[in-house]
Protein backbone atom coordinates (compact mmCIF):
# COMPACT_ATOMS: atom_id res chain seq x y z
CA MET A 1 0.00 0.00 0.00
CA ILE A 2 1.11 3.53 -0.77
CA ARG A 3 -0.09 6.43 1.39
CA LEU A 4 0.19 10.08 0.39
CA ARG A 5 -1.11 13.25 2.02
CA LEU A 6 -3.75 15.36 0.31
CA PHE A 7 -3.30 19.15 0.24
CA GLY A 8 -5.42 21.98 -1.14
CA ARG A 9 -4.62 25.63 -1.73
CA CYS A 10 -5.66 27.87 1.13
CA ARG A 11 -8.40 30.26 0.04
CA ILE A 12 -6.71 33.19 1.84
CA TYR A 13 -2.93 32.64 1.64
CA HIS A 14 -2.79 30.25 -1.36
CA ASP A 15 -0.24 27.94 0.26
CA PRO A 16 -0.92 24.17 0.42
CA VAL A 17 -2.81 23.15 3.57
CA SER A 18 -4.22 19.86 4.78
CA PRO A 19 -6.66 19.16 7.62
CA VAL A 20 -5.40 17.23 10.64
CA LEU A 21 -7.73 15.59 13.13
CA LYS A 22 -6.29 16.65 16.50
CA GLU A 23 -8.88 14.90 18.68
CA PRO A 24 -11.85 12.66 18.00
CA ALA A 25 -15.16 14.47 17.62
CA GLN A 26 -17.16 14.42 20.85
CA ILE A 27 -20.85 13.79 20.51
CA GLY A 28 -23.02 14.43 23.55
CA TRP A 29 -26.70 13.82 24.10
CA ALA A 30 -29.55 16.07 25.21
CA SER A 31 -33.04 15.05 26.21
CA TRP A 32 -36.30 16.91 26.72
CA PHE A 33 -36.81 15.47 30.16
CA ARG A 34 -33.40 14.78 31.68
CA GLU A 35 -29.66 15.39 31.56
CA ILE A 36 -27.62 12.68 29.84
CA ASP A 37 -23.99 12.60 30.95
CA LEU A 38 -22.75 10.57 28.03
CA VAL A 39 -20.13 11.74 25.56
CA THR A 40 -19.19 9.49 22.68
CA PRO A 41 -15.81 10.19 21.07
CA ARG A 42 -15.76 9.34 17.37
CA LYS A 43 -13.01 9.65 14.81
CA LEU A 44 -13.94 11.18 11.49
CA LYS A 45 -13.44 9.06 8.39
CA GLY A 46 -11.32 10.26 5.46
CA LYS A 47 -14.13 11.70 3.35
CA GLU A 48 -15.71 13.35 6.41
CA LEU A 49 -12.41 15.08 7.20
CA LEU A 50 -12.02 16.18 3.57
CA LEU A 51 -15.52 17.68 3.53
CA ARG A 52 -14.57 19.80 6.57
CA THR A 53 -12.22 21.76 4.27
CA ARG A 54 -15.23 23.48 2.66
CA GLY A 55 -14.49 27.20 2.75
CA TRP A 56 -10.79 26.67 3.52
CA TRP A 57 -9.68 25.38 0.13
CA THR A 58 -10.06 27.16 -3.21
CA VAL A 59 -12.03 24.22 -4.64
CA GLU A 60 -15.14 22.37 -3.53
CA PRO A 61 -14.08 19.34 -1.43
CA SER A 62 -16.92 17.12 -2.67
CA LEU A 63 -15.56 17.47 -6.22
CA VAL A 64 -12.10 16.53 -4.95
CA ALA A 65 -13.54 13.47 -3.20
CA ASP A 66 -15.21 12.32 -6.44
CA VAL A 67 -11.89 12.47 -8.33
CA VAL A 68 -9.79 10.94 -5.53
CA GLU A 69 -12.13 8.01 -4.87
CA LYS A 70 -11.75 6.81 -8.47
CA HIS A 71 -8.08 6.03 -7.79
CA GLY A 72 -7.62 5.48 -4.05
CA LYS A 73 -9.24 5.45 -0.65
CA LEU A 74 -9.49 8.53 1.59
CA ILE A 75 -8.29 7.72 5.10
CA VAL A 76 -7.18 9.44 8.28
CA GLY A 77 -3.55 8.61 9.09
CA GLU A 78 -2.11 7.62 12.46
CA LYS A 79 -1.40 11.25 13.38
CA GLY A 80 -4.81 12.50 12.19
CA GLU A 81 -3.63 13.64 8.76
CA LEU A 82 -5.82 13.38 5.65
CA MET A 83 -4.33 10.75 3.35
CA ILE A 84 -5.05 8.71 0.25
CA GLU A 85 -4.25 5.00 0.22
CA PHE A 86 -3.31 3.50 -3.16
CA GLU A 87 -2.86 -0.08 -4.35
CA ASN A 88 0.06 0.71 -6.69
CA LYS A 89 2.15 3.44 -8.34
CA GLU A 90 0.00 3.43 -11.46
CA LYS A 91 -3.00 4.60 -9.40
CA VAL A 92 -0.85 7.39 -7.93
CA ALA A 93 0.18 8.56 -11.41
CA ALA A 94 -3.41 8.40 -12.67
CA LEU A 95 -4.69 10.46 -9.73
CA SER A 96 -1.92 13.01 -10.12
CA PHE A 97 -2.90 13.45 -13.77
CA ASP A 98 -6.64 13.71 -12.94
CA LEU A 99 -6.00 16.27 -10.18
CA THR A 100 -4.03 18.45 -12.60
CA GLU A 101 -6.67 18.09 -15.31
CA ASN A 102 -9.55 18.96 -12.98
CA PHE A 103 -8.04 21.41 -10.50
CA ASP A 104 -4.81 22.70 -12.10
CA ASP A 105 -2.38 23.31 -9.18
CA GLN A 106 -5.07 23.74 -6.50
CA ILE A 107 -4.99 20.14 -5.17
CA LEU A 108 -1.69 18.37 -4.48
CA ILE A 109 -0.50 15.01 -3.16
CA ALA A 110 2.77 14.52 -1.27
CA PRO A 111 4.42 12.00 1.05
């Protein structure tokens, strides 16, 4: 397996940025009739983390997801980084070409 990070151009500064999940999302519960002291930590999945870049990147993240998922799998790495997992180098080359064709230099992949 080959894993590469996914970066997008920052809407404000135009440098490559990538989301990093620092902590699992915490979901709590509220009830009409009582207090519920339960918090459920949940890690975001790769596509969920990518979709959180809406408004940060210069391109629409759902369009990026459509292109990326044709060639690899969006995952969250061990340190919370947004990554793409590939089966082989040919898939990496094909995605790199598709990203350039669809988004010019706005979406990048790197180790």
